Protein backbone atom coordinates (compact mmCIF):
# COMPACT_ATOMS: atom_id res chain seq x y z
CA UNK A 1 66.20 24.98 -11.99
CA UNK A 2 68.98 25.28 -9.43
CA UNK A 3 70.67 22.21 -10.89
CA UNK A 4 70.56 23.65 -14.40
CA UNK A 5 72.11 26.93 -13.28
CA UNK A 6 74.85 25.05 -11.40
CA UNK A 7 75.53 22.90 -14.43
CA UNK A 8 75.77 25.95 -16.69
CA UNK A 9 78.15 27.68 -14.28
CA UNK A 10 80.30 24.57 -14.03
CA UNK A 11 80.38 24.26 -17.83
CA UNK A 12 81.47 27.89 -18.09
CA UNK A 13 84.20 27.22 -15.54
CA UNK A 14 85.23 24.12 -17.49
CA UNK A 15 85.70 26.25 -20.61
CA UNK A 16 87.56 29.05 -18.82
CA UNK A 17 89.66 27.12 -16.29
CA UNK A 18 89.42 23.38 -16.80
CA UNK A 19 91.85 22.31 -14.02
CA UNK A 20 89.80 24.18 -11.43
CA UNK A 21 86.56 22.72 -12.78
CA UNK A 22 87.93 19.19 -12.56
CA UNK A 23 89.20 19.83 -9.03
CA UNK A 24 85.74 21.02 -8.00
CA UNK A 25 84.19 17.97 -9.64
CA UNK A 26 86.44 15.67 -7.58
CA UNK A 27 86.17 17.56 -4.27
CA UNK A 28 82.40 18.25 -4.35
CA UNK A 29 81.36 14.85 -2.86
CA UNK A 30 83.92 15.24 -0.06
CA UNK A 31 82.63 18.71 0.79
CA UNK A 32 79.08 17.37 0.77
CA UNK A 33 80.06 14.61 3.22
CA UNK A 34 81.77 17.12 5.50
CA UNK A 35 78.66 19.32 5.56
CA UNK A 36 76.34 16.56 6.84
CA UNK A 37 77.20 17.00 10.56
CA UNK A 38 76.62 20.76 10.28
CA UNK A 39 73.20 20.15 8.71
CA UNK A 40 72.29 17.78 11.55
CA UNK A 41 73.40 20.32 14.17
CA UNK A 42 71.44 23.06 12.39
CA UNK A 43 68.28 20.95 12.37
CA UNK A 44 68.70 20.09 16.05
CA UNK A 45 69.21 23.75 16.98
CA UNK A 46 66.11 24.75 15.01
CA UNK A 47 64.07 22.10 16.84
CA UNK A 48 65.48 23.17 20.21
CA UNK A 49 64.60 26.81 19.59
CA UNK A 50 61.09 25.82 18.50
CA UNK A 51 60.69 23.85 21.74
CA UNK A 52 61.90 26.79 23.86
CA UNK A 53 59.53 29.12 22.03
CA UNK A 54 56.61 26.73 22.58
CA UNK A 55 57.39 26.45 26.29
CA UNK A 56 57.71 30.23 26.68
CA UNK A 57 54.43 30.95 24.90
CA UNK A 58 52.49 28.15 26.60
CA UNK A 59 51.12 30.31 29.46
CA UNK A 60 49.84 32.91 27.02
CA UNK A 61 48.16 30.28 24.89
CA UNK A 62 46.53 28.70 27.94
CA UNK A 63 45.19 32.07 29.05
CA UNK A 64 43.68 32.71 25.62
CA UNK A 65 46.29 34.92 24.06
CA UNK A 66 46.24 35.88 20.40
CA UNK A 67 47.14 32.75 18.38
CA UNK A 68 48.43 34.35 15.20
């Protein structure tokens, strides 16, 4: 569904401002490649925060705390 909405928006942009739509079509793969390192860093930070949370809550879980 997200792809269809993006395609419809791009088609609307193509009708209204075709040079901008073509520029976006050419630059989109480059922007996607530039975003890969940020996705990797985001995933690593999420994993690190999950590890810290697990370590901090370990004593409570060992003592029988509420495991919601």
